[in-house]
Amino acid sequence: MIMDNTPWWNQRWPWLLMLGPFIVLLAGSYTGWLAFSRPDALVVGDYYKQGKAINQDLRRDRAASEMGMVAALRYDAARGVLTGKIDGHSVMPETVVVHLVHATQPSKDVVLQVHPAADGAFDAPLPMLERSRWQVLVESDKRDWRLEGRWQWPEQREMNLNAGNL
């Protein structure tokens, strides 16, 4: 049996064995930094209030269904314009609010106030949408009805919202 009298730090095997735990420590530190530097946007602080508001939202959905409200939206990325048309059995409100809610990042949400013509058609300038899944809400300015749906941009170029799906 041959004895090697070189110190351990001059041999490669201890360093190779320590490399694995060192990489795990680095990865854990980076993951911890990510977790603490970026707030979790999926958790809502006032979840109880939002839960209580569900019944009010259902009332607005039923009102849209009774009025036969439908909306068609189309986004023209080249012009940066969201075009749409709202139809229903009631008088068209002067102002309609269009909410584009980002799936995970509230800072990217878009709220547009549009003024539909007598036939319900409208155009609104809209900056380039991020490639994402958007929650879309179209409601009257008095919040007495609303239409809701999901829009996968840019896979879906157009979107139709129909209140009759309740």
C-alpha atoms as a PDB file:
ATOM      1  CA  MET A   1       0.000   0.000   0.000  1.00  0.00           C
ATOM      2  CA  ILE A   2       1.394   3.350  -1.081  1.00  0.00           C
ATOM      3  CA  MET A   3       0.917   6.294   1.277  1.00  0.00           C
ATOM      4  CA  ASP A   4       0.551   9.723  -0.220  1.00  0.00           C
ATOM      5  CA  ASN A   5       1.763  12.391   2.200  1.00  0.00           C
ATOM      6  CA  THR A   6       0.470  15.421   0.265  1.00  0.00           C
ATOM      7  CA  PRO A   7      -1.990  17.586   2.223  1.00  0.00           C
ATOM      8  CA  TRP A   8      -5.698  17.167   1.488  1.00  0.00           C
ATOM      9  CA  TRP A   9      -6.062  20.622  -0.098  1.00  0.00           C
ATOM     10  CA  ASN A  10      -3.558  19.663  -2.779  1.00  0.00           C
ATOM     11  CA  GLN A  11      -5.668  16.719  -3.908  1.00  0.00           C
ATOM     12  CA  ARG A  12      -8.587  17.043  -6.308  1.00  0.00           C
ATOM     13  CA  TRP A  13     -11.075  14.592  -4.722  1.00  0.00           C
ATOM     14  CA  PRO A  14     -11.990  16.665  -1.648  1.00  0.00           C
ATOM     15  CA  TRP A  15     -12.598  19.696  -3.889  1.00  0.00           C
ATOM     16  CA  LEU A  16     -14.690  17.644  -6.281  1.00  0.00           C
ATOM     17  CA  LEU A  17     -16.775  16.312  -3.367  1.00  0.00           C
ATOM     18  CA  MET A  18     -17.285  19.850  -1.975  1.00  0.00           C
ATOM     19  CA  LEU A  19     -18.340  21.229  -5.353  1.00  0.00           C
ATOM     20  CA  GLY A  20     -21.850  19.672  -5.186  1.00  0.00           C
ATOM     21  CA  PRO A  21     -22.862  21.196  -1.819  1.00  0.00           C
ATOM     22  CA  PHE A  22     -21.328  24.544  -2.862  1.00  0.00           C
ATOM     23  CA  ILE A  23     -23.456  24.629  -6.035  1.00  0.00           C
ATOM     24  CA  VAL A  24     -26.547  23.787  -3.961  1.00  0.00           C
ATOM     25  CA  LEU A  25     -25.764  26.681  -1.590  1.00  0.00           C
ATOM     26  CA  LEU A  26     -25.394  29.078  -4.525  1.00  0.00           C
ATOM     27  CA  ALA A  27     -28.661  27.918  -6.117  1.00  0.00           C
ATOM     28  CA  GLY A  28     -30.488  28.150  -2.770  1.00  0.00           C
ATOM     29  CA  SER A  29     -29.184  31.674  -2.198  1.00  0.00           C
ATOM     30  CA  TYR A  30     -30.291  32.754  -5.671  1.00  0.00           C
ATOM     31  CA  THR A  31     -33.736  31.182  -5.184  1.00  0.00           C
ATOM     32  CA  GLY A  32     -34.083  32.935  -1.810  1.00  0.00           C
ATOM     33  CA  TRP A  33     -33.142  36.254  -3.398  1.00  0.00           C
ATOM     34  CA  LEU A  34     -35.754  35.731  -6.126  1.00  0.00           C
ATOM     35  CA  ALA A  35     -38.424  34.875  -3.553  1.00  0.00           C
ATOM     36  CA  PHE A  36     -37.822  37.946  -1.412  1.00  0.00           C
ATOM     37  CA  SER A  37     -37.115  40.500  -4.129  1.00  0.00           C
ATOM     38  CA  ARG A  38     -40.265  39.866  -6.179  1.00  0.00           C
ATOM     39  CA  PRO A  39     -43.646  39.947  -4.436  1.00  0.00           C
ATOM     40  CA  ASP A  40     -46.112  37.214  -5.214  1.00  0.00           C
ATOM     41  CA  ALA A  41     -48.830  38.805  -7.339  1.00  0.00           C
ATOM     42  CA  LEU A  42     -51.130  35.786  -7.222  1.00  0.00           C
ATOM     43  CA  VAL A  43     -52.068  36.223  -3.555  1.00  0.00           C
ATOM     44  CA  VAL A  44     -54.689  38.888  -2.918  1.00  0.00           C
ATOM     45  CA  GLY A  45     -54.537  40.685   0.420  1.00  0.00           C
ATOM     46  CA  ASP A  46     -58.276  41.319   0.738  1.00  0.00           C
ATOM     47  CA  TYR A  47     -59.470  37.887  -0.374  1.00  0.00           C
ATOM     48  CA  TYR A  48     -62.419  37.973   2.038  1.00  0.00           C
ATOM     49  CA  LYS A  49     -63.807  41.205   0.559  1.00  0.00           C
ATOM     50  CA  GLN A  50     -63.326  39.855  -2.948  1.00  0.00           C
ATOM     51  CA  GLY A  51     -65.153  36.681  -1.978  1.00  0.00           C
ATOM     52  CA  LYS A  52     -68.097  38.697  -0.694  1.00  0.00           C
ATOM     53  CA  ALA A  53     -68.141  40.724  -3.914  1.00  0.00           C
ATOM     54  CA  ILE A  54     -68.737  37.616  -6.033  1.00  0.00           C
ATOM     55  CA  ASN A  55     -72.520  37.831  -5.512  1.00  0.00           C
ATOM     56  CA  GLN A  56     -72.553  41.429  -6.751  1.00  0.00           C
ATOM     57  CA  ASP A  57     -70.546  40.372  -9.807  1.00  0.00           C
ATOM     58  CA  LEU A  58     -73.044  37.597 -10.524  1.00  0.00           C
ATOM     59  CA  ARG A  59     -75.840  40.182 -10.385  1.00  0.00           C
ATOM     60  CA  ARG A  60     -74.066  42.247 -13.033  1.00  0.00           C
ATOM     61  CA  ASP A  61     -73.543  39.139 -15.190  1.00  0.00           C
ATOM     62  CA  ARG A  62     -77.251  38.314 -14.957  1.00  0.00           C
ATOM     63  CA  ALA A  63     -78.153  41.901 -15.886  1.00  0.00           C
ATOM     64  CA  ALA A  64     -75.943  41.688 -18.995  1.00  0.00           C
ATOM     65  CA  SER A  65     -77.586  38.393 -19.908  1.00  0.00           C
ATOM     66  CA  GLU A  66     -81.082  39.851 -19.530  1.00  0.00           C
ATOM     67  CA  MET A  67     -80.129  42.805 -21.747  1.00  0.00           C
ATOM     68  CA  GLY A  68     -78.619  40.483 -24.370  1.00  0.00           C
ATOM     69  CA  MET A  69     -75.231  42.203 -24.195  1.00  0.00           C
ATOM     70  CA  VAL A  70     -72.462  40.934 -26.474  1.00  0.00           C
ATOM     71  CA  ALA A  71     -69.092  42.419 -27.348  1.00  0.00           C
ATOM     72  CA  ALA A  72     -66.517  41.698 -30.034  1.00  0.00           C
ATOM     73  CA  LEU A  73     -62.929  42.901 -29.592  1.00  0.00           C
ATOM     74  CA  ARG A  74     -60.030  42.933 -32.033  1.00  0.00           C
ATOM     75  CA  TYR A  75     -56.498  44.192 -31.464  1.00  0.00           C
ATOM     76  CA  ASP A  76     -54.506  45.592 -34.376  1.00  0.00           C
ATOM     77  CA  ALA A  77     -50.897  45.462 -33.178  1.00  0.00           C
ATOM     78  CA  ALA A  78     -49.551  47.258 -36.262  1.00  0.00           C
ATOM     79  CA  ARG A  79     -51.698  50.336 -35.568  1.00  0.00           C
ATOM     80  CA  GLY A  80     -51.764  49.928 -31.781  1.00  0.00           C
ATOM     81  CA  VAL A  81     -55.577  50.130 -31.690  1.00  0.00           C
ATOM     82  CA  LEU A  82     -58.200  48.051 -29.907  1.00  0.00           C
ATOM     83  CA  THR A  83     -61.436  48.048 -31.889  1.00  0.00           C
ATOM     84  CA  GLY A  84     -64.713  46.706 -30.667  1.00  0.00           C
ATOM     85  CA  LYS A  85     -68.458  46.600 -31.006  1.00  0.00           C
ATOM     86  CA  ILE A  86     -70.991  46.240 -28.227  1.00  0.00           C
ATOM     87  CA  ASP A  87     -74.553  45.160 -28.923  1.00  0.00           C
ATOM     88  CA  GLY A  88     -77.534  44.711 -26.660  1.00  0.00           C
ATOM     89  CA  HIS A  89     -81.255  45.322 -26.173  1.00  0.00           C
ATOM     90  CA  SER A  90     -80.702  48.421 -24.052  1.00  0.00           C
ATOM     91  CA  VAL A  91     -79.540  51.965 -24.600  1.00  0.00           C
ATOM     92  CA  MET A  92     -75.791  52.170 -25.154  1.00  0.00           C
ATOM     93  CA  PRO A  93     -74.045  53.904 -22.228  1.00  0.00           C
ATOM     94  CA  GLU A  94     -72.004  56.997 -22.965  1.00  0.00           C
ATOM     95  CA  THR A  95     -68.847  55.449 -21.513  1.00  0.00           C
ATOM     96  CA  VAL A  96     -67.806  51.810 -21.377  1.00  0.00           C
ATOM     97  CA  VAL A  97     -64.810  50.619 -19.361  1.00  0.00           C
ATOM     98  CA  VAL A  98     -62.599  47.871 -20.802  1.00  0.00           C
ATOM     99  CA  HIS A  99     -60.280  46.132 -18.333  1.00  0.00           C
ATOM    100  CA  LEU A 100     -57.416  43.981 -19.601  1.00  0.00           C
ATOM    101  CA  VAL A 101     -56.102  42.194 -16.532  1.00  0.00           C
ATOM    102  CA  HIS A 102     -52.717  40.452 -16.830  1.00  0.00           C
ATOM    103  CA  ALA A 103     -52.719  36.862 -15.599  1.00  0.00           C
ATOM    104  CA  THR A 104     -49.947  37.304 -13.010  1.00  0.00           C
ATOM    105  CA  GLN A 105     -48.589  40.867 -12.945  1.00  0.00           C
ATOM    106  CA  PRO A 106     -51.002  43.611 -11.812  1.00  0.00           C
ATOM    107  CA  SER A 107     -48.564  46.313 -12.913  1.00  0.00           C
ATOM    108  CA  LYS A 108     -49.323  45.369 -16.539  1.00  0.00           C
ATOM    109  CA  ASP A 109     -53.112  45.733 -16.225  1.00  0.00           C
ATOM    110  CA  VAL A 110     -54.763  48.112 -18.700  1.00  0.00           C
ATOM    111  CA  VAL A 111     -57.968  50.102 -18.116  1.00  0.00           C
ATOM    112  CA  LEU A 112     -59.534  51.893 -21.097  1.00  0.00           C
ATOM    113  CA  GLN A 113     -62.527  54.199 -21.028  1.00  0.00           C
ATOM    114  CA  VAL A 114     -64.139  54.147 -24.456  1.00  0.00           C
ATOM    115  CA  HIS A 115     -67.039  56.118 -25.877  1.00  0.00           C
ATOM    116  CA  PRO A 116     -69.027  53.870 -28.217  1.00  0.00           C
ATOM    117  CA  ALA A 117     -70.882  55.346 -31.166  1.00  0.00           C
ATOM    118  CA  ALA A 118     -74.644  54.895 -31.476  1.00  0.00           C
ATOM    119  CA  ASP A 119     -74.118  51.504 -33.144  1.00  0.00           C
ATOM    120  CA  GLY A 120     -71.790  50.388 -30.313  1.00  0.00           C
ATOM    121  CA  ALA A 121     -68.530  50.552 -32.291  1.00  0.00           C
ATOM    122  CA  PHE A 122     -65.419  52.024 -30.677  1.00  0.00           C
ATOM    123  CA  ASP A 123     -61.664  52.433 -31.206  1.00  0.00           C
ATOM    124  CA  ALA A 124     -59.125  52.941 -28.427  1.00  0.00           C
ATOM    125  CA  PRO A 125     -55.368  53.425 -28.604  1.00  0.00           C
ATOM    126  CA  LEU A 126     -53.576  50.570 -26.862  1.00  0.00           C
ATOM    127  CA  PRO A 127     -49.825  50.070 -26.512  1.00  0.00           C
ATOM    128  CA  MET A 128     -48.320  46.766 -27.551  1.00  0.00           C
ATOM    129  CA  LEU A 129     -49.861  43.952 -25.543  1.00  0.00           C
ATOM    130  CA  GLU A 130     -47.560  41.438 -23.957  1.00  0.00           C
ATOM    131  CA  ARG A 131     -47.841  37.867 -25.148  1.00  0.00           C
ATOM    132  CA  SER A 132     -49.990  36.503 -22.340  1.00  0.00           C
ATOM    133  CA  ARG A 133     -53.377  35.298 -21.182  1.00  0.00           C
ATOM    134  CA  TRP A 134     -55.584  38.277 -20.343  1.00  0.00           C
ATOM    135  CA  GLN A 135     -58.751  38.432 -18.280  1.00  0.00           C
ATOM    136  CA  VAL A 136     -61.088  40.844 -20.118  1.00  0.00           C
ATOM    137  CA  LEU A 137     -63.915  42.766 -18.454  1.00  0.00           C
ATOM    138  CA  VAL A 138     -66.235  45.080 -20.381  1.00  0.00           C
ATOM    139  CA  GLU A 139     -68.655  47.004 -18.191  1.00  0.00           C
ATOM    140  CA  SER A 140     -70.805  50.102 -18.231  1.00  0.00           C
ATOM    141  CA  ASP A 141     -69.522  53.193 -16.478  1.00  0.00           C
ATOM    142  CA  LYS A 142     -72.353  52.849 -13.940  1.00  0.00           C
ATOM    143  CA  ARG A 143     -71.293  49.246 -13.265  1.00  0.00           C
ATOM    144  CA  ASP A 144     -74.790  47.878 -13.762  1.00  0.00           C
ATOM    145  CA  TRP A 145     -73.725  45.154 -16.225  1.00  0.00           C
ATOM    146  CA  ARG A 146     -70.515  43.448 -17.271  1.00  0.00           C
ATOM    147  CA  LEU A 147     -69.153  40.956 -19.774  1.00  0.00           C
ATOM    148  CA  GLU A 148     -66.188  38.772 -18.899  1.00  0.00           C
ATOM    149  CA  GLY A 149     -63.863  36.395 -20.706  1.00  0.00           C
ATOM    150  CA  ARG A 150     -60.315  35.203 -21.252  1.00  0.00           C
ATOM    151  CA  TRP A 151     -58.144  36.230 -24.167  1.00  0.00           C
ATOM    152  CA  GLN A 152     -54.959  34.438 -25.180  1.00  0.00           C
ATOM    153  CA  TRP A 153     -52.969  37.074 -27.084  1.00  0.00           C
ATOM    154  CA  PRO A 154     -51.642  36.758 -29.841  1.00  0.00           C
ATOM    155  CA  GLU A 155     -53.023  33.267 -30.559  1.00  0.00           C
ATOM    156  CA  GLN A 156     -56.535  34.758 -30.562  1.00  0.00           C
ATOM    157  CA  ARG A 157     -56.685  37.829 -32.780  1.00  0.00           C
ATOM    158  CA  GLU A 158     -60.354  38.428 -31.988  1.00  0.00           C
ATOM    159  CA  MET A 159     -62.465  37.866 -28.918  1.00  0.00           C
ATOM    160  CA  ASN A 160     -66.214  37.560 -28.450  1.00  0.00           C
ATOM    161  CA  LEU A 161     -67.868  38.121 -25.078  1.00  0.00           C
ATOM    162  CA  ASN A 162     -71.382  36.796 -24.639  1.00  0.00           C
ATOM    163  CA  ALA A 163     -73.426  37.179 -21.453  1.00  0.00           C
ATOM    164  CA  GLY A 164     -75.800  34.392 -22.452  1.00  0.00           C
ATOM    165  CA  ASN A 165     -73.354  31.695 -21.308  1.00  0.00           C
ATOM    166  CA  LEU A 166     -74.584  31.807 -17.698  1.00  0.00           C
END
